[in-house]
Amino acid sequence: MDLFSCVNLIKAYGNGGFRLGEVSINLAAGKITGVVGENGNGKTTLLRIIAGELSHDRGDLFYFNGKPADTLSWEQIRSRIAYIPQRIPKWHGFLRDNLVFQASIRGIHGEDADRLIDDLLQKLGLEEYADLKWKEISTGYRLRFQLARMLIGSPELLVLDEPIANLDINAQNKFLSDLREIVSEPNRKVSVILSSQQLHEIENVSDSVVFLKKGAMVYAGEVDKIGETRTFNEFEIQVNLSQGVLEELIGEKGVLKQVGKTAHVKVPLSVSAQEFLMQVLQKNGKIAYFRDISSSTRRLFND
C-alpha cells in the first residue's frame, strides 16, 4: 500500500531561482526510501512538500492508498505524518515528562501511556536517559527521543531530514538499525523517507533511493537495481601508485579522474573489482581505501 505518491512534482523559487522537479515517487508501507544528493539539490524541499510543510507548484500528490491531496484537509494529512527536521527543537524539563505530555495530547493516559512509553524507551535504548534533561544527553540520543515522541502518535509516514548528519558512525548505525526494526514491525503500517549525504549507510538501510542533482531526479528506484544498466564498472581508490601507472592498468578503454588523494576509475564491465585489485597489487600498490561504486548512487555524483 502506497502511503504517499507524487507524479511530475515541481517546485520553483522565483525567476531564475532553484527548481525542483519533475519528481515522481511512491512510498510504500513497510519500506524505507533514501533521498540523496549534495547540499542545495532539493532534498529538504522535497521532504517538506511530502510532510505538508511547503506547497508545490505543479504535479499531483496522493496520500494513504491513492487519495488525491486536494480531497483531504492538510490537518487530516499532517495528523498521520511525523516530520523531524534536521534541527530538532529543544525540549524543556525531564525527557520522560515530555513523552507523557505528548501521549496525553493524543488521548493516551495513565497505565496505557506508561506501557507505550516504556515500550518505546526500551526499543530505542533510552531507558537510562528518561529522567534526564535535554542538555544532559548527546545529539544521537536527542534524535532518538524525538523519534520516540513522534512514534507516540503512530504515524503512517515518517519524514526525516538529514537525521544522521551530526552523528558518529556508531550512532548512525544504531539509529538506522532502529528505523529498520520499526518499519519491520508487523503491527505498524509505516513508511520512512529520509535524506542524507551518507550514501553507504543510507543504501544499506533503504529499500529504494531517490537521487537528486541540481533539483532534477536523476534516479528513483530500488537500491538493488542501481547501476543495473551501466556500461562500465567504477571504483574509488587511494593507492601509492602514480597516475601514469593507473592509466596503464586501466588501458585505453578506461577513464581515470583524480580528485585529491582519491582516483575515480572507470573500466569495462569485463574487469571486475577483484581483477582490478589484483592488478594494483601486482604493481606493489599499497591500498589505503577502495570502494566498488558500480552499483551505488555514488557513481552518479561523478557524471
Foldseek 3Di string as FASTA:
>chain_A
DFQKWWAQWWAADDVPGFIADGDTATWFQLFEEEEEEDPPQCPVVVLCCQLVNDPTDDTWMAGDPGHTPVVDDNVVSNLQEAEAEQDHDFDDAFLLVLLQVLLVVVVQDDPRSVVLLVVLCVLLVNVVRRGDGRVVDDLLVVLSSSVSSRCSSLHQEYEYEASCVPPDPVSLLSVLVSVSVVSPDPVHRHTYYYYHNPFVSSLVRGQWYWYGDSNYTPDTDGLQCALVPPFWWKKKWQKPDDPVLLCVLQDPQKDWDDDPRIIIITHGPVQDPVNSVVSCVVVVIDTPDMDTCSSTCVVVVVD
